[in-house]
Amino acid sequence: MVAIPGLLRLFAQYPKLGGLFGLVAAVAFAYLGFVSWNEVQKMPDAPINVSVTQAAALVNWGESAWVTLQHIQWDCENIVHSYVSRRSYRTEILFTDETNSVLGVALFSRSKRLSCAELTDTELTGVLSRIEDRFYERMPARGFNLTRYNGTTMRVHLCTFCGRDNSTLGVICGLVMAPLGLSMYPLCLSLRKHYLAKGIL
């Protein structure tokens, strides 16, 4: 008898379950596409060149901006690594401005752990947003020493792998995957008929 992979067997036996799975996936990817499309519409054709201090004053709560930060001062004593998968690590490192009046967290996604020695540039491009109070309160427990930033009210987060290209990819994923999710139920019905005809279900 031909062996059927577990998930295919499950969806072939219960097409409605496969259809429900597809519907949930379609809604999720449609939302991703919608949000990404809005981000693309709001973004300029190129990132805005600003200093860290200017950038901190640029974004309000709940807003974001695509920027190239200049005159970054890296805090190499505050670097935290997170294991994502076998081929992916996330590195967060603190930065500030020349007057130490801004607390910034830069997020990187690489195939290996990023060391501070590799951060030779004082300019960096990404999507900037304000740090929420909950995120800030959890930072010490995650390994960050915030002693030198006590009293700092300008707190920003920079996603270095976010930007216009990333948002465009989100739109494409939504356009492709949402219709595919909606087609799951008829595909599962067809799969069920195929396996029944072969006598392997």
C-alpha atoms as a PDB file:
ATOM      1  CA  MET A   1       0.000   0.000   0.000  1.00  0.00           C
ATOM      2  CA  VAL A   2       1.215   3.492  -0.858  1.00  0.00           C
ATOM      3  CA  ALA A   3       1.972   5.591   2.206  1.00  0.00           C
ATOM      4  CA  ILE A   4       0.315   9.019   2.369  1.00  0.00           C
ATOM      5  CA  PRO A   5       2.022  11.868   4.255  1.00  0.00           C
ATOM      6  CA  GLY A   6       0.218  12.583   7.526  1.00  0.00           C
ATOM      7  CA  LEU A   7      -1.145  16.049   6.714  1.00  0.00           C
ATOM      8  CA  LEU A   8      -2.338  15.019   3.252  1.00  0.00           C
ATOM      9  CA  ARG A   9      -4.125  11.995   4.729  1.00  0.00           C
ATOM     10  CA  LEU A  10      -5.787  14.170   7.368  1.00  0.00           C
ATOM     11  CA  PHE A  11      -7.053  16.711   4.835  1.00  0.00           C
ATOM     12  CA  ALA A  12      -8.138  13.961   2.416  1.00  0.00           C
ATOM     13  CA  GLN A  13     -10.121  12.241   5.157  1.00  0.00           C
ATOM     14  CA  TYR A  14     -11.601  15.500   6.448  1.00  0.00           C
ATOM     15  CA  PRO A  15     -11.859  18.000   3.558  1.00  0.00           C
ATOM     16  CA  LYS A  16     -13.788  20.486   5.702  1.00  0.00           C
ATOM     17  CA  LEU A  17     -10.877  20.610   8.129  1.00  0.00           C
ATOM     18  CA  GLY A  18      -8.556  21.380   5.226  1.00  0.00           C
ATOM     19  CA  GLY A  19     -10.982  24.028   4.040  1.00  0.00           C
ATOM     20  CA  LEU A  20     -11.062  25.618   7.493  1.00  0.00           C
ATOM     21  CA  PHE A  21      -7.265  25.604   7.621  1.00  0.00           C
ATOM     22  CA  GLY A  22      -7.173  27.246   4.198  1.00  0.00           C
ATOM     23  CA  LEU A  23      -9.718  29.879   5.219  1.00  0.00           C
ATOM     24  CA  VAL A  24      -7.702  30.853   8.292  1.00  0.00           C
ATOM     25  CA  ALA A  25      -4.538  31.025   6.180  1.00  0.00           C
ATOM     26  CA  ALA A  26      -6.328  33.112   3.537  1.00  0.00           C
ATOM     27  CA  VAL A  27      -7.538  35.631   6.124  1.00  0.00           C
ATOM     28  CA  ALA A  28      -4.071  35.873   7.679  1.00  0.00           C
ATOM     29  CA  PHE A  29      -2.301  36.423   4.353  1.00  0.00           C
ATOM     30  CA  ALA A  30      -4.982  38.839   3.148  1.00  0.00           C
ATOM     31  CA  TYR A  31      -4.422  40.895   6.301  1.00  0.00           C
ATOM     32  CA  LEU A  32      -0.651  40.744   5.767  1.00  0.00           C
ATOM     33  CA  GLY A  33      -1.100  41.944   2.190  1.00  0.00           C
ATOM     34  CA  PHE A  34      -3.442  44.761   3.242  1.00  0.00           C
ATOM     35  CA  VAL A  35      -1.138  46.023   6.002  1.00  0.00           C
ATOM     36  CA  SER A  36       1.910  45.745   3.744  1.00  0.00           C
ATOM     37  CA  TRP A  37       0.119  47.637   0.967  1.00  0.00           C
ATOM     38  CA  ASN A  38      -0.711  50.481   3.343  1.00  0.00           C
ATOM     39  CA  GLU A  39       2.920  50.606   4.457  1.00  0.00           C
ATOM     40  CA  VAL A  40       4.138  50.780   0.851  1.00  0.00           C
ATOM     41  CA  GLN A  41       1.743  53.654   0.121  1.00  0.00           C
ATOM     42  CA  LYS A  42       2.988  55.632   3.112  1.00  0.00           C
ATOM     43  CA  MET A  43       6.688  55.056   2.492  1.00  0.00           C
ATOM     44  CA  PRO A  44       8.743  57.503   0.437  1.00  0.00           C
ATOM     45  CA  ASP A  45      10.696  56.302  -2.590  1.00  0.00           C
ATOM     46  CA  ALA A  46      13.882  56.458  -0.524  1.00  0.00           C
ATOM     47  CA  PRO A  47      14.597  56.503   3.226  1.00  0.00           C
ATOM     48  CA  ILE A  48      14.852  59.849   4.991  1.00  0.00           C
ATOM     49  CA  ASN A  49      18.384  60.800   6.067  1.00  0.00           C
ATOM     50  CA  VAL A  50      18.274  62.011   9.665  1.00  0.00           C
ATOM     51  CA  SER A  51      20.395  61.995  12.791  1.00  0.00           C
ATOM     52  CA  VAL A  52      19.397  59.761  15.698  1.00  0.00           C
ATOM     53  CA  THR A  53      18.135  62.782  17.627  1.00  0.00           C
ATOM     54  CA  GLN A  54      16.054  64.047  14.696  1.00  0.00           C
ATOM     55  CA  ALA A  55      14.649  60.575  14.048  1.00  0.00           C
ATOM     56  CA  ALA A  56      13.514  60.165  17.649  1.00  0.00           C
ATOM     57  CA  ALA A  57      11.474  63.355  17.330  1.00  0.00           C
ATOM     58  CA  LEU A  58      10.152  62.282  13.917  1.00  0.00           C
ATOM     59  CA  VAL A  59       7.967  59.343  14.965  1.00  0.00           C
ATOM     60  CA  ASN A  60       4.934  59.601  17.224  1.00  0.00           C
ATOM     61  CA  TRP A  61       3.299  56.746  19.134  1.00  0.00           C
ATOM     62  CA  GLY A  62       1.841  54.149  16.787  1.00  0.00           C
ATOM     63  CA  GLU A  63       3.700  55.563  13.783  1.00  0.00           C
ATOM     64  CA  SER A  64       6.810  54.468  11.910  1.00  0.00           C
ATOM     65  CA  ALA A  65       9.243  55.970   9.412  1.00  0.00           C
ATOM     66  CA  TRP A  66      11.702  54.560   6.879  1.00  0.00           C
ATOM     67  CA  VAL A  67      14.970  56.263   7.710  1.00  0.00           C
ATOM     68  CA  THR A  68      18.725  56.189   7.356  1.00  0.00           C
ATOM     69  CA  LEU A  69      20.111  57.074  10.758  1.00  0.00           C
ATOM     70  CA  GLN A  70      23.352  59.031  10.879  1.00  0.00           C
ATOM     71  CA  HIS A  71      25.903  59.526  13.662  1.00  0.00           C
ATOM     72  CA  ILE A  72      24.952  56.340  15.520  1.00  0.00           C
ATOM     73  CA  GLN A  73      26.807  55.660  18.759  1.00  0.00           C
ATOM     74  CA  TRP A  74      26.841  51.896  19.377  1.00  0.00           C
ATOM     75  CA  ASP A  75      26.633  50.552  22.927  1.00  0.00           C
ATOM     76  CA  CYS A  76      28.690  47.376  22.531  1.00  0.00           C
ATOM     77  CA  GLU A  77      28.125  46.354  26.146  1.00  0.00           C
ATOM     78  CA  ASN A  78      24.445  45.859  25.353  1.00  0.00           C
ATOM     79  CA  ILE A  79      24.039  43.196  22.685  1.00  0.00           C
ATOM     80  CA  VAL A  80      21.551  40.294  22.907  1.00  0.00           C
ATOM     81  CA  HIS A  81      21.231  37.301  20.568  1.00  0.00           C
ATOM     82  CA  SER A  82      18.098  35.225  19.974  1.00  0.00           C
ATOM     83  CA  TYR A  83      18.066  31.842  18.228  1.00  0.00           C
ATOM     84  CA  VAL A  84      15.302  31.732  15.610  1.00  0.00           C
ATOM     85  CA  SER A  85      16.158  28.652  13.551  1.00  0.00           C
ATOM     86  CA  ARG A  86      19.164  26.656  12.414  1.00  0.00           C
ATOM     87  CA  ARG A  87      19.954  29.290   9.796  1.00  0.00           C
ATOM     88  CA  SER A  88      18.682  32.415  11.491  1.00  0.00           C
ATOM     89  CA  TYR A  89      19.719  34.503  14.470  1.00  0.00           C
ATOM     90  CA  ARG A  90      18.308  37.794  15.651  1.00  0.00           C
ATOM     91  CA  THR A  91      20.649  40.290  17.235  1.00  0.00           C
ATOM     92  CA  GLU A  92      19.553  43.355  19.182  1.00  0.00           C
ATOM     93  CA  ILE A  93      22.048  46.034  20.122  1.00  0.00           C
ATOM     94  CA  LEU A  94      21.543  49.348  21.854  1.00  0.00           C
ATOM     95  CA  PHE A  95      22.566  52.654  20.319  1.00  0.00           C
ATOM     96  CA  THR A  96      22.292  56.308  21.226  1.00  0.00           C
ATOM     97  CA  ASP A  97      23.101  59.750  19.853  1.00  0.00           C
ATOM     98  CA  GLU A  98      26.117  61.953  20.470  1.00  0.00           C
ATOM     99  CA  THR A  99      24.511  63.500  23.561  1.00  0.00           C
ATOM    100  CA  ASN A 100      23.301  60.189  25.028  1.00  0.00           C
ATOM    101  CA  SER A 101      19.753  61.568  25.089  1.00  0.00           C
ATOM    102  CA  VAL A 102      18.177  58.782  22.997  1.00  0.00           C
ATOM    103  CA  LEU A 103      17.830  55.074  23.753  1.00  0.00           C
ATOM    104  CA  GLY A 104      17.664  53.020  20.570  1.00  0.00           C
ATOM    105  CA  VAL A 105      17.378  49.285  19.905  1.00  0.00           C
ATOM    106  CA  ALA A 106      18.551  48.043  16.498  1.00  0.00           C
ATOM    107  CA  LEU A 107      17.218  44.655  15.390  1.00  0.00           C
ATOM    108  CA  PHE A 108      19.191  42.533  12.899  1.00  0.00           C
ATOM    109  CA  SER A 109      18.311  39.189  11.320  1.00  0.00           C
ATOM    110  CA  ARG A 110      21.314  37.241  10.041  1.00  0.00           C
ATOM    111  CA  SER A 111      22.444  33.684   9.378  1.00  0.00           C
ATOM    112  CA  LYS A 112      24.862  33.961  12.306  1.00  0.00           C
ATOM    113  CA  ARG A 113      25.329  35.945  15.474  1.00  0.00           C
ATOM    114  CA  LEU A 114      26.331  39.526  14.776  1.00  0.00           C
ATOM    115  CA  SER A 115      29.227  40.926  16.796  1.00  0.00           C
ATOM    116  CA  CYS A 116      29.671  44.570  17.680  1.00  0.00           C
ATOM    117  CA  ALA A 117      33.023  44.553  15.869  1.00  0.00           C
ATOM    118  CA  GLU A 118      31.101  44.059  12.611  1.00  0.00           C
ATOM    119  CA  LEU A 119      29.118  47.249  13.179  1.00  0.00           C
ATOM    120  CA  THR A 120      31.650  49.615  11.675  1.00  0.00           C
ATOM    121  CA  ASP A 121      29.112  51.949  10.064  1.00  0.00           C
ATOM    122  CA  THR A 122      27.669  54.917  11.901  1.00  0.00           C
ATOM    123  CA  GLU A 123      24.772  54.976   9.419  1.00  0.00           C
ATOM    124  CA  LEU A 124      21.970  52.424   9.307  1.00  0.00           C
ATOM    125  CA  THR A 125      18.742  52.079   7.319  1.00  0.00           C
ATOM    126  CA  GLY A 126      15.490  50.567   8.557  1.00  0.00           C
ATOM    127  CA  VAL A 127      11.990  51.222   9.819  1.00  0.00           C
ATOM    128  CA  LEU A 128      11.927  53.301  13.001  1.00  0.00           C
ATOM    129  CA  SER A 129       9.177  53.274  15.635  1.00  0.00           C
ATOM    130  CA  ARG A 130       8.730  54.269  19.264  1.00  0.00           C
ATOM    131  CA  ILE A 131       9.478  51.726  22.002  1.00  0.00           C
ATOM    132  CA  GLU A 132       6.384  50.916  24.033  1.00  0.00           C
ATOM    133  CA  ASP A 133       6.544  50.951  27.831  1.00  0.00           C
ATOM    134  CA  ARG A 134       5.983  47.181  28.085  1.00  0.00           C
ATOM    135  CA  PHE A 135       8.899  46.475  25.758  1.00  0.00           C
ATOM    136  CA  TYR A 136      11.135  48.835  27.734  1.00  0.00           C
ATOM    137  CA  GLU A 137      10.155  47.295  31.074  1.00  0.00           C
ATOM    138  CA  ARG A 138      11.067  43.798  29.830  1.00  0.00           C
ATOM    139  CA  MET A 139      14.487  44.801  28.519  1.00  0.00           C
ATOM    140  CA  PRO A 140      16.483  44.288  31.771  1.00  0.00           C
ATOM    141  CA  ALA A 141      15.115  40.744  32.101  1.00  0.00           C
ATOM    142  CA  ARG A 142      16.285  40.038  28.552  1.00  0.00           C
ATOM    143  CA  GLY A 143      19.867  40.990  29.411  1.00  0.00           C
ATOM    144  CA  PHE A 144      20.082  44.735  28.722  1.00  0.00           C
ATOM    145  CA  ASN A 145      21.775  47.051  31.219  1.00  0.00           C
ATOM    146  CA  LEU A 146      19.842  50.322  31.105  1.00  0.00           C
ATOM    147  CA  THR A 147      21.666  52.116  33.920  1.00  0.00           C
ATOM    148  CA  ARG A 148      23.187  54.775  31.654  1.00  0.00           C
ATOM    149  CA  TYR A 149      19.784  55.422  30.075  1.00  0.00           C
ATOM    150  CA  ASN A 150      17.864  56.185  33.278  1.00  0.00           C
ATOM    151  CA  GLY A 151      15.729  59.232  32.653  1.00  0.00           C
ATOM    152  CA  THR A 152      15.896  58.891  28.870  1.00  0.00           C
ATOM    153  CA  THR A 153      12.411  59.505  27.489  1.00  0.00           C
ATOM    154  CA  MET A 154      13.226  59.297  23.759  1.00  0.00           C
ATOM    155  CA  ARG A 155      13.193  55.551  23.059  1.00  0.00           C
ATOM    156  CA  VAL A 156      13.134  54.130  19.547  1.00  0.00           C
ATOM    157  CA  HIS A 157      13.309  50.751  17.820  1.00  0.00           C
ATOM    158  CA  LEU A 158      14.939  50.238  14.407  1.00  0.00           C
ATOM    159  CA  CYS A 159      14.111  47.146  12.351  1.00  0.00           C
ATOM    160  CA  THR A 160      17.069  46.932   9.965  1.00  0.00           C
ATOM    161  CA  PHE A 161      15.517  44.303   7.670  1.00  0.00           C
ATOM    162  CA  CYS A 162      12.249  46.220   7.302  1.00  0.00           C
ATOM    163  CA  GLY A 163      11.608  48.714   4.533  1.00  0.00           C
ATOM    164  CA  ARG A 164       9.961  49.203   1.164  1.00  0.00           C
ATOM    165  CA  ASP A 165      11.259  45.915  -0.287  1.00  0.00           C
ATOM    166  CA  ASN A 166      10.096  43.972   2.749  1.00  0.00           C
ATOM    167  CA  SER A 167       6.616  45.507   2.582  1.00  0.00           C
ATOM    168  CA  THR A 168       6.408  44.826  -1.161  1.00  0.00           C
ATOM    169  CA  LEU A 169       7.215  41.183  -0.453  1.00  0.00           C
ATOM    170  CA  GLY A 170       4.345  41.138   2.050  1.00  0.00           C
ATOM    171  CA  VAL A 171       1.960  42.398  -0.645  1.00  0.00           C
ATOM    172  CA  ILE A 172       3.120  39.680  -3.054  1.00  0.00           C
ATOM    173  CA  CYS A 173       2.730  36.969  -0.404  1.00  0.00           C
ATOM    174  CA  GLY A 174      -0.792  38.177   0.324  1.00  0.00           C
ATOM    175  CA  LEU A 175      -1.765  38.191  -3.353  1.00  0.00           C
ATOM    176  CA  VAL A 176      -0.430  34.671  -3.898  1.00  0.00           C
ATOM    177  CA  MET A 177      -1.243  32.886  -0.654  1.00  0.00           C
ATOM    178  CA  ALA A 178      -4.735  34.262   0.078  1.00  0.00           C
ATOM    179  CA  PRO A 179      -6.309  32.782  -3.106  1.00  0.00           C
ATOM    180  CA  LEU A 180      -4.386  29.560  -2.502  1.00  0.00           C
ATOM    181  CA  GLY A 181      -5.881  29.325   0.981  1.00  0.00           C
ATOM    182  CA  LEU A 182      -9.394  29.821  -0.409  1.00  0.00           C
ATOM    183  CA  SER A 183      -8.828  26.959  -2.846  1.00  0.00           C
ATOM    184  CA  MET A 184      -7.940  24.489  -0.087  1.00  0.00           C
ATOM    185  CA  TYR A 185     -11.436  22.988   0.287  1.00  0.00           C
ATOM    186  CA  PRO A 186     -11.942  22.058  -3.391  1.00  0.00           C
ATOM    187  CA  LEU A 187      -8.352  20.812  -3.501  1.00  0.00           C
ATOM    188  CA  CYS A 188      -8.994  18.580  -0.479  1.00  0.00           C
ATOM    189  CA  LEU A 189     -12.168  17.221  -2.082  1.00  0.00           C
ATOM    190  CA  SER A 190     -10.243  16.446  -5.260  1.00  0.00           C
ATOM    191  CA  LEU A 191      -7.493  14.799  -3.223  1.00  0.00           C
ATOM    192  CA  ARG A 192     -10.048  12.656  -1.392  1.00  0.00           C
ATOM    193  CA  LYS A 193     -11.598  11.448  -4.641  1.00  0.00           C
ATOM    194  CA  HIS A 194      -8.161  10.663  -6.042  1.00  0.00           C
ATOM    195  CA  TYR A 195      -7.108   8.590  -3.034  1.00  0.00           C
ATOM    196  CA  LEU A 196     -10.456   6.771  -2.878  1.00  0.00           C
ATOM    197  CA  ALA A 197     -10.205   5.892  -6.563  1.00  0.00           C
ATOM    198  CA  LYS A 198      -6.712   4.514  -5.970  1.00  0.00           C
ATOM    199  CA  GLY A 199      -7.944   2.564  -2.962  1.00  0.00           C
ATOM    200  CA  ILE A 200      -5.285   4.014  -0.687  1.00  0.00           C
ATOM    201  CA  LEU A 201      -7.473   5.994   1.693  1.00  0.00           C
END
